[in-house]
Amino acid sequence: MSLSADRDLDSLLAELVMANRILAREEVVDDFGHVSVRDPRDASRFWLSRSRSPEVVSRDDLIRFDLDATPENPGHRKPYLETVLHARIYAVRPDVQCVVHHHARPVLPFTVTHRPLRPVFHMGSVIGAEVPLWDSQDEFGDTNMLIDTIPKADSLARALGPHSCALLKRHGAVCVGASIPEAVFVSIYMKENAELQYAAEALGGPVDYLTPGEITQTGAMLRSERPLRRSWDYRCARAGFGGL
């Protein structure tokens, strides 16, 4: 591998550490939750921290895994129990370069009711017009609620389909992106959209959700370079980093 490739990987893994801290700072993750990135040198591998709270993840915590969630050289480091959740999404979504799993509290009411999560403001457009809801009960009955086996992870990946995020019944959510900044952006605005939707619906009366055309056009605009960079720099500064 060239020195340039080494530097590119080091930069990406530093960004992954930042993503952990940013998501903690923005209260998308807390002591639980995790974020991974696909290895740019080998699409059949990805990087994820050992089992550690995102707020304190460092470069030394990062482990490389294959798409069956088998770790390379973990040593004493114990992986997350849900590492396979990341692995199987990467296995079926070649467009995905980053996966976030979180339990953001404003999102959770939409996992235990029949109220769909829908974009209510322009930044929320990135969650898409439809946010699938996956229920482990449908295929697996009573479980420990973790996505900790290949069958459960494959089932979740099928439910996610081509979407940018999915809800996990009585559990949390997954968000994906074509880069770390994009997946972080989707995760943060999923949480903020949930807060605003809840507040708007609590007022009573009709709610003016985004139209399908607004969702498509605004979501594409927000995923472009300038909005993502602007947001990433802001979130990095809030988390104590200098941005890209």
C-alpha atoms as a PDB file:
ATOM      1  CA  MET A   1       0.000   0.000   0.000  1.00  0.00           C
ATOM      2  CA  SER A   2       1.338   3.468  -0.876  1.00  0.00           C
ATOM      3  CA  LEU A   3       2.130   6.221   1.598  1.00  0.00           C
ATOM      4  CA  SER A   4      -0.673   8.238   0.026  1.00  0.00           C
ATOM      5  CA  ALA A   5      -3.160   5.434   0.708  1.00  0.00           C
ATOM      6  CA  ASP A   6      -1.890   5.232   4.288  1.00  0.00           C
ATOM      7  CA  ARG A   7      -2.461   8.966   4.742  1.00  0.00           C
ATOM      8  CA  ASP A   8      -5.943   8.758   3.194  1.00  0.00           C
ATOM      9  CA  LEU A   9      -6.918   5.943   5.557  1.00  0.00           C
ATOM     10  CA  ASP A  10      -5.484   7.757   8.571  1.00  0.00           C
ATOM     11  CA  SER A  11      -7.524  10.829   7.641  1.00  0.00           C
ATOM     12  CA  LEU A  12     -10.699   8.776   7.245  1.00  0.00           C
ATOM     13  CA  LEU A  13     -10.234   7.039  10.584  1.00  0.00           C
ATOM     14  CA  ALA A  14      -9.600  10.381  12.274  1.00  0.00           C
ATOM     15  CA  GLU A  15     -12.928  11.494  10.755  1.00  0.00           C
ATOM     16  CA  LEU A  16     -14.578   8.377  12.194  1.00  0.00           C
ATOM     17  CA  VAL A  17     -13.321   9.299  15.662  1.00  0.00           C
ATOM     18  CA  MET A  18     -14.726  12.815  15.140  1.00  0.00           C
ATOM     19  CA  ALA A  19     -18.077  11.341  14.079  1.00  0.00           C
ATOM     20  CA  ASN A  20     -18.315   9.436  17.362  1.00  0.00           C
ATOM     21  CA  ARG A  21     -17.654  12.604  19.365  1.00  0.00           C
ATOM     22  CA  ILE A  22     -19.997  14.735  17.238  1.00  0.00           C
ATOM     23  CA  LEU A  23     -22.909  12.318  17.569  1.00  0.00           C
ATOM     24  CA  ALA A  24     -22.354  12.235  21.332  1.00  0.00           C
ATOM     25  CA  ARG A  25     -22.157  16.044  21.499  1.00  0.00           C
ATOM     26  CA  GLU A  26     -25.423  16.355  19.559  1.00  0.00           C
ATOM     27  CA  GLU A  27     -27.133  13.764  21.823  1.00  0.00           C
ATOM     28  CA  VAL A  28     -27.839  11.362  18.992  1.00  0.00           C
ATOM     29  CA  VAL A  29     -25.837   8.687  20.835  1.00  0.00           C
ATOM     30  CA  ASP A  30     -25.048   8.466  24.528  1.00  0.00           C
ATOM     31  CA  ASP A  31     -23.324   5.611  26.357  1.00  0.00           C
ATOM     32  CA  PHE A  32     -24.725   3.352  23.625  1.00  0.00           C
ATOM     33  CA  GLY A  33     -24.866   3.623  19.830  1.00  0.00           C
ATOM     34  CA  HIS A  34     -22.085   3.342  17.255  1.00  0.00           C
ATOM     35  CA  VAL A  35     -20.832   4.558  13.864  1.00  0.00           C
ATOM     36  CA  SER A  36     -18.704   2.764  11.253  1.00  0.00           C
ATOM     37  CA  VAL A  37     -17.039   3.480   7.904  1.00  0.00           C
ATOM     38  CA  ARG A  38     -16.276   1.266   4.922  1.00  0.00           C
ATOM     39  CA  ASP A  39     -12.589   0.742   4.167  1.00  0.00           C
ATOM     40  CA  PRO A  40     -11.821   2.736   0.981  1.00  0.00           C
ATOM     41  CA  ARG A  41      -9.092   0.259   0.001  1.00  0.00           C
ATOM     42  CA  ASP A  42     -11.322  -2.823   0.236  1.00  0.00           C
ATOM     43  CA  ALA A  43     -15.113  -2.607  -0.035  1.00  0.00           C
ATOM     44  CA  SER A  44     -15.462  -5.929   1.765  1.00  0.00           C
ATOM     45  CA  ARG A  45     -14.051  -4.451   4.988  1.00  0.00           C
ATOM     46  CA  PHE A  46     -15.170  -1.730   7.378  1.00  0.00           C
ATOM     47  CA  TRP A  47     -13.946   0.004  10.539  1.00  0.00           C
ATOM     48  CA  LEU A  48     -15.786   0.264  13.841  1.00  0.00           C
ATOM     49  CA  SER A  49     -14.736   0.947  17.410  1.00  0.00           C
ATOM     50  CA  ARG A  50     -14.412  -1.723  20.037  1.00  0.00           C
ATOM     51  CA  SER A  51     -17.288  -1.805  22.506  1.00  0.00           C
ATOM     52  CA  ARG A  52     -16.899   1.649  23.991  1.00  0.00           C
ATOM     53  CA  SER A  53     -19.114   4.687  24.474  1.00  0.00           C
ATOM     54  CA  PRO A  54     -18.822   7.064  21.482  1.00  0.00           C
ATOM     55  CA  GLU A  55     -17.874  10.037  23.675  1.00  0.00           C
ATOM     56  CA  VAL A  56     -14.519   8.419  24.482  1.00  0.00           C
ATOM     57  CA  VAL A  57     -13.672   6.521  21.253  1.00  0.00           C
ATOM     58  CA  SER A  58     -10.062   6.984  20.075  1.00  0.00           C
ATOM     59  CA  ARG A  59      -8.054   5.809  17.068  1.00  0.00           C
ATOM     60  CA  ASP A  60      -6.683   2.868  19.046  1.00  0.00           C
ATOM     61  CA  ASP A  61     -10.213   1.571  19.587  1.00  0.00           C
ATOM     62  CA  LEU A  62     -10.902   1.107  15.863  1.00  0.00           C
ATOM     63  CA  ILE A  63     -10.988  -2.446  14.488  1.00  0.00           C
ATOM     64  CA  ARG A  64     -11.343  -3.641  10.889  1.00  0.00           C
ATOM     65  CA  PHE A  65     -14.063  -6.226  10.166  1.00  0.00           C
ATOM     66  CA  ASP A  66     -15.234  -8.292   7.209  1.00  0.00           C
ATOM     67  CA  LEU A  67     -18.856  -8.419   6.043  1.00  0.00           C
ATOM     68  CA  ASP A  68     -19.637 -11.307   8.401  1.00  0.00           C
ATOM     69  CA  ALA A  69     -18.467  -9.088  11.298  1.00  0.00           C
ATOM     70  CA  THR A  70     -15.282 -11.090  11.871  1.00  0.00           C
ATOM     71  CA  PRO A  71     -12.636  -8.794  13.398  1.00  0.00           C
ATOM     72  CA  GLU A  72      -9.016  -8.544  12.269  1.00  0.00           C
ATOM     73  CA  ASN A  73      -6.418  -8.495  15.049  1.00  0.00           C
ATOM     74  CA  PRO A  74      -8.767  -7.410  17.832  1.00  0.00           C
ATOM     75  CA  GLY A  75      -6.337  -8.408  20.586  1.00  0.00           C
ATOM     76  CA  HIS A  76      -7.944  -7.649  23.937  1.00  0.00           C
ATOM     77  CA  ARG A  77     -10.514  -5.332  22.342  1.00  0.00           C
ATOM     78  CA  LYS A  78     -14.095  -6.646  22.507  1.00  0.00           C
ATOM     79  CA  PRO A  79     -16.372  -5.660  19.577  1.00  0.00           C
ATOM     80  CA  TYR A  80     -19.843  -4.246  19.937  1.00  0.00           C
ATOM     81  CA  LEU A  81     -22.482  -6.969  20.177  1.00  0.00           C
ATOM     82  CA  GLU A  82     -24.242  -5.360  17.191  1.00  0.00           C
ATOM     83  CA  THR A  83     -21.211  -5.161  14.882  1.00  0.00           C
ATOM     84  CA  VAL A  84     -23.047  -7.474  12.489  1.00  0.00           C
ATOM     85  CA  LEU A  85     -25.712  -4.782  11.963  1.00  0.00           C
ATOM     86  CA  HIS A  86     -23.094  -2.689  10.174  1.00  0.00           C
ATOM     87  CA  ALA A  87     -21.577  -5.644   8.329  1.00  0.00           C
ATOM     88  CA  ARG A  88     -24.761  -6.814   6.672  1.00  0.00           C
ATOM     89  CA  ILE A  89     -25.858  -3.328   5.575  1.00  0.00           C
ATOM     90  CA  TYR A  90     -22.490  -2.886   3.843  1.00  0.00           C
ATOM     91  CA  ALA A  91     -22.945  -6.331   2.277  1.00  0.00           C
ATOM     92  CA  VAL A  92     -26.131  -5.337   0.420  1.00  0.00           C
ATOM     93  CA  ARG A  93     -25.655  -1.572  -0.056  1.00  0.00           C
ATOM     94  CA  PRO A  94     -22.516  -0.834  -2.134  1.00  0.00           C
ATOM     95  CA  ASP A  95     -23.488   2.851  -2.126  1.00  0.00           C
ATOM     96  CA  VAL A  96     -23.236   3.070   1.658  1.00  0.00           C
ATOM     97  CA  GLN A  97     -19.904   4.203   3.117  1.00  0.00           C
ATOM     98  CA  CYS A  98     -21.014   4.967   6.678  1.00  0.00           C
ATOM     99  CA  VAL A  99     -23.569   3.427   9.061  1.00  0.00           C
ATOM    100  CA  VAL A 100     -24.886   4.936  12.308  1.00  0.00           C
ATOM    101  CA  HIS A 101     -26.978   3.088  14.881  1.00  0.00           C
ATOM    102  CA  HIS A 102     -28.545   5.231  17.595  1.00  0.00           C
ATOM    103  CA  HIS A 103     -31.319   5.472  20.168  1.00  0.00           C
ATOM    104  CA  ALA A 104     -31.963   9.240  20.003  1.00  0.00           C
ATOM    105  CA  ARG A 105     -34.795   9.830  22.460  1.00  0.00           C
ATOM    106  CA  PRO A 106     -36.926  12.138  20.257  1.00  0.00           C
ATOM    107  CA  VAL A 107     -37.017   9.376  17.615  1.00  0.00           C
ATOM    108  CA  LEU A 108     -38.150   6.618  19.975  1.00  0.00           C
ATOM    109  CA  PRO A 109     -41.861   7.610  20.155  1.00  0.00           C
ATOM    110  CA  PHE A 110     -42.057   6.881  16.429  1.00  0.00           C
ATOM    111  CA  THR A 111     -40.806   3.331  17.090  1.00  0.00           C
ATOM    112  CA  VAL A 112     -43.598   2.492  19.543  1.00  0.00           C
ATOM    113  CA  THR A 113     -46.600   4.103  17.835  1.00  0.00           C
ATOM    114  CA  HIS A 114     -48.162   3.830  14.414  1.00  0.00           C
ATOM    115  CA  ARG A 115     -47.331   7.461  13.654  1.00  0.00           C
ATOM    116  CA  PRO A 116     -44.946   7.586  10.655  1.00  0.00           C
ATOM    117  CA  LEU A 117     -41.862   9.790  10.864  1.00  0.00           C
ATOM    118  CA  ARG A 118     -42.149  12.352   8.050  1.00  0.00           C
ATOM    119  CA  PRO A 119     -40.131  15.440   7.047  1.00  0.00           C
ATOM    120  CA  VAL A 120     -41.673  18.605   8.483  1.00  0.00           C
ATOM    121  CA  PHE A 121     -38.899  21.121   7.745  1.00  0.00           C
ATOM    122  CA  HIS A 122     -36.374  21.491   4.974  1.00  0.00           C
ATOM    123  CA  MET A 123     -33.401  19.995   6.855  1.00  0.00           C
ATOM    124  CA  GLY A 124     -35.510  16.954   7.668  1.00  0.00           C
ATOM    125  CA  SER A 125     -35.835  16.168   3.953  1.00  0.00           C
ATOM    126  CA  VAL A 126     -32.729  13.963   4.188  1.00  0.00           C
ATOM    127  CA  ILE A 127     -34.657  11.256   6.037  1.00  0.00           C
ATOM    128  CA  GLY A 128     -36.678  10.686   2.865  1.00  0.00           C
ATOM    129  CA  ALA A 129     -40.376  10.483   2.120  1.00  0.00           C
ATOM    130  CA  GLU A 130     -40.647   7.058   3.751  1.00  0.00           C
ATOM    131  CA  VAL A 131     -38.842   5.839   6.861  1.00  0.00           C
ATOM    132  CA  PRO A 132     -39.302   2.050   7.113  1.00  0.00           C
ATOM    133  CA  LEU A 133     -40.112   0.478  10.480  1.00  0.00           C
ATOM    134  CA  TRP A 134     -38.458  -2.885  11.207  1.00  0.00           C
ATOM    135  CA  ASP A 135     -39.927  -5.103  13.908  1.00  0.00           C
ATOM    136  CA  SER A 136     -37.837  -8.034  15.152  1.00  0.00           C
ATOM    137  CA  GLN A 137     -41.035  -9.711  16.364  1.00  0.00           C
ATOM    138  CA  ASP A 138     -42.159 -10.375  12.798  1.00  0.00           C
ATOM    139  CA  GLU A 139     -39.460 -12.972  12.145  1.00  0.00           C
ATOM    140  CA  PHE A 140     -37.827 -13.689  15.489  1.00  0.00           C
ATOM    141  CA  GLY A 141     -40.426 -13.323  18.234  1.00  0.00           C
ATOM    142  CA  ASP A 142     -39.113 -12.354  21.657  1.00  0.00           C
ATOM    143  CA  THR A 143     -35.388 -11.548  21.584  1.00  0.00           C
ATOM    144  CA  ASN A 144     -32.850  -9.558  23.590  1.00  0.00           C
ATOM    145  CA  MET A 145     -33.689  -6.647  21.228  1.00  0.00           C
ATOM    146  CA  LEU A 146     -30.148  -6.513  19.827  1.00  0.00           C
ATOM    147  CA  ILE A 147     -29.296  -7.020  16.166  1.00  0.00           C
ATOM    148  CA  ASP A 148     -26.562  -9.476  17.064  1.00  0.00           C
ATOM    149  CA  THR A 149     -26.906 -12.303  14.522  1.00  0.00           C
ATOM    150  CA  ILE A 150     -26.574 -12.474  10.760  1.00  0.00           C
ATOM    151  CA  PRO A 151     -30.251 -13.451  10.231  1.00  0.00           C
ATOM    152  CA  LYS A 152     -31.472 -10.468  12.266  1.00  0.00           C
ATOM    153  CA  ALA A 153     -29.018  -8.097  10.592  1.00  0.00           C
ATOM    154  CA  ASP A 154     -29.993  -9.368   7.130  1.00  0.00           C
ATOM    155  CA  SER A 155     -33.649  -8.854   7.972  1.00  0.00           C
ATOM    156  CA  LEU A 156     -32.981  -5.276   9.067  1.00  0.00           C
ATOM    157  CA  ALA A 157     -30.922  -4.600   5.925  1.00  0.00           C
ATOM    158  CA  ARG A 158     -33.828  -5.806   3.776  1.00  0.00           C
ATOM    159  CA  ALA A 159     -36.208  -3.489   5.610  1.00  0.00           C
ATOM    160  CA  LEU A 160     -33.827  -0.546   5.158  1.00  0.00           C
ATOM    161  CA  GLY A 161     -33.750  -1.270   1.429  1.00  0.00           C
ATOM    162  CA  PRO A 162     -32.659   1.791  -0.587  1.00  0.00           C
ATOM    163  CA  HIS A 163     -33.618   4.274   2.137  1.00  0.00           C
ATOM    164  CA  SER A 164     -31.337   6.597   4.110  1.00  0.00           C
ATOM    165  CA  CYS A 165     -32.672   5.508   7.481  1.00  0.00           C
ATOM    166  CA  ALA A 166     -34.966   3.033   9.198  1.00  0.00           C
ATOM    167  CA  LEU A 167     -36.650   2.766  12.580  1.00  0.00           C
ATOM    168  CA  LEU A 168     -36.219  -0.286  14.801  1.00  0.00           C
ATOM    169  CA  LYS A 169     -39.416  -1.082  16.685  1.00  0.00           C
ATOM    170  CA  ARG A 170     -39.064  -0.406  20.437  1.00  0.00           C
ATOM    171  CA  HIS A 171     -35.311   0.111  19.976  1.00  0.00           C
ATOM    172  CA  GLY A 172     -33.892   2.963  17.876  1.00  0.00           C
ATOM    173  CA  ALA A 173     -32.773   3.674  14.329  1.00  0.00           C
ATOM    174  CA  VAL A 174     -30.119   3.186  11.673  1.00  0.00           C
ATOM    175  CA  CYS A 175     -28.929   5.922   9.316  1.00  0.00           C
ATOM    176  CA  VAL A 176     -26.605   5.556   6.331  1.00  0.00           C
ATOM    177  CA  GLY A 177     -24.724   7.802   3.954  1.00  0.00           C
ATOM    178  CA  ALA A 178     -22.271   7.978   1.080  1.00  0.00           C
ATOM    179  CA  SER A 179     -19.738   9.514   3.491  1.00  0.00           C
ATOM    180  CA  ILE A 180     -19.229  10.017   7.210  1.00  0.00           C
ATOM    181  CA  PRO A 181     -20.420  13.660   7.086  1.00  0.00           C
ATOM    182  CA  GLU A 182     -23.565  12.611   5.208  1.00  0.00           C
ATOM    183  CA  ALA A 183     -24.522   9.823   7.631  1.00  0.00           C
ATOM    184  CA  VAL A 184     -23.874  12.134  10.584  1.00  0.00           C
ATOM    185  CA  PHE A 185     -26.007  14.835   8.913  1.00  0.00           C
ATOM    186  CA  VAL A 186     -28.903  12.401   8.379  1.00  0.00           C
ATOM    187  CA  SER A 187     -28.667  11.146  11.969  1.00  0.00           C
ATOM    188  CA  ILE A 188     -28.718  14.620  13.513  1.00  0.00           C
ATOM    189  CA  TYR A 189     -31.571  15.896  11.387  1.00  0.00           C
ATOM    190  CA  MET A 190     -33.558  12.702  11.905  1.00  0.00           C
ATOM    191  CA  LYS A 191     -33.480  13.535  15.602  1.00  0.00           C
ATOM    192  CA  GLU A 192     -34.307  17.223  15.081  1.00  0.00           C
ATOM    193  CA  ASN A 193     -37.132  16.453  12.642  1.00  0.00           C
ATOM    194  CA  ALA A 194     -38.624  14.028  15.175  1.00  0.00           C
ATOM    195  CA  GLU A 195     -38.602  16.783  17.824  1.00  0.00           C
ATOM    196  CA  LEU A 196     -40.310  19.275  15.497  1.00  0.00           C
ATOM    197  CA  GLN A 197     -42.846  16.772  14.166  1.00  0.00           C
ATOM    198  CA  TYR A 198     -43.835  15.803  17.704  1.00  0.00           C
ATOM    199  CA  ALA A 199     -44.237  19.470  18.676  1.00  0.00           C
ATOM    200  CA  ALA A 200     -46.242  20.328  15.546  1.00  0.00           C
ATOM    201  CA  GLU A 201     -48.600  17.364  15.889  1.00  0.00           C
ATOM    202  CA  ALA A 202     -49.076  18.081  19.607  1.00  0.00           C
ATOM    203  CA  LEU A 203     -50.538  21.497  18.688  1.00  0.00           C
ATOM    204  CA  GLY A 204     -53.453  19.745  17.008  1.00  0.00           C
ATOM    205  CA  GLY A 205     -54.931  20.404  13.597  1.00  0.00           C
ATOM    206  CA  PRO A 206     -53.348  19.571  10.233  1.00  0.00           C
ATOM    207  CA  VAL A 207     -49.580  19.593   9.794  1.00  0.00           C
ATOM    208  CA  ASP A 208     -48.040  20.764   6.519  1.00  0.00           C
ATOM    209  CA  TYR A 209     -45.451  18.067   5.850  1.00  0.00           C
ATOM    210  CA  LEU A 210     -42.954  18.461   2.999  1.00  0.00           C
ATOM    211  CA  THR A 211     -44.276  17.396  -0.392  1.00  0.00           C
ATOM    212  CA  PRO A 212     -42.603  14.508  -2.262  1.00  0.00           C
ATOM    213  CA  GLY A 213     -41.046  16.979  -4.699  1.00  0.00           C
ATOM    214  CA  GLU A 214     -39.698  19.136  -1.871  1.00  0.00           C
ATOM    215  CA  ILE A 215     -38.216  16.087  -0.178  1.00  0.00           C
ATOM    216  CA  THR A 216     -36.447  14.932  -3.348  1.00  0.00           C
ATOM    217  CA  GLN A 217     -35.075  18.300  -4.403  1.00  0.00           C
ATOM    218  CA  THR A 218     -34.147  19.595  -0.955  1.00  0.00           C
ATOM    219  CA  GLY A 219     -32.598  16.297   0.109  1.00  0.00           C
ATOM    220  CA  ALA A 220     -30.390  16.258  -2.992  1.00  0.00           C
ATOM    221  CA  MET A 221     -29.310  19.853  -2.382  1.00  0.00           C
ATOM    222  CA  LEU A 222     -28.419  19.197   1.255  1.00  0.00           C
ATOM    223  CA  ARG A 223     -26.313  16.188   0.282  1.00  0.00           C
ATOM    224  CA  SER A 224     -24.149  18.293  -2.030  1.00  0.00           C
ATOM    225  CA  GLU A 225     -20.643  19.367  -1.077  1.00  0.00           C
ATOM    226  CA  ARG A 226     -21.217  22.875   0.275  1.00  0.00           C
ATOM    227  CA  PRO A 227     -24.072  22.136   2.719  1.00  0.00           C
ATOM    228  CA  LEU A 228     -22.365  18.989   4.012  1.00  0.00           C
ATOM    229  CA  ARG A 229     -19.042  20.755   4.526  1.00  0.00           C
ATOM    230  CA  ARG A 230     -20.680  23.719   6.226  1.00  0.00           C
ATOM    231  CA  SER A 231     -22.610  21.449   8.604  1.00  0.00           C
ATOM    232  CA  TRP A 232     -19.610  19.191   9.265  1.00  0.00           C
ATOM    233  CA  ASP A 233     -17.367  22.147  10.148  1.00  0.00           C
ATOM    234  CA  TYR A 234     -20.020  23.488  12.513  1.00  0.00           C
ATOM    235  CA  ARG A 235     -20.515  20.139  14.240  1.00  0.00           C
ATOM    236  CA  CYS A 236     -16.740  19.615  14.491  1.00  0.00           C
ATOM    237  CA  ALA A 237     -16.342  23.003  16.160  1.00  0.00           C
ATOM    238  CA  ARG A 238     -19.104  22.205  18.661  1.00  0.00           C
ATOM    239  CA  ALA A 239     -17.368  18.919  19.483  1.00  0.00           C
ATOM    240  CA  GLY A 240     -13.958  20.597  19.884  1.00  0.00           C
ATOM    241  CA  PHE A 241     -12.455  19.749  16.489  1.00  0.00           C
ATOM    242  CA  GLY A 242     -11.343  22.050  13.704  1.00  0.00           C
ATOM    243  CA  GLY A 243     -13.435  20.588  10.851  1.00  0.00           C
ATOM    244  CA  LEU A 244     -12.295  19.053   7.571  1.00  0.00           C
END
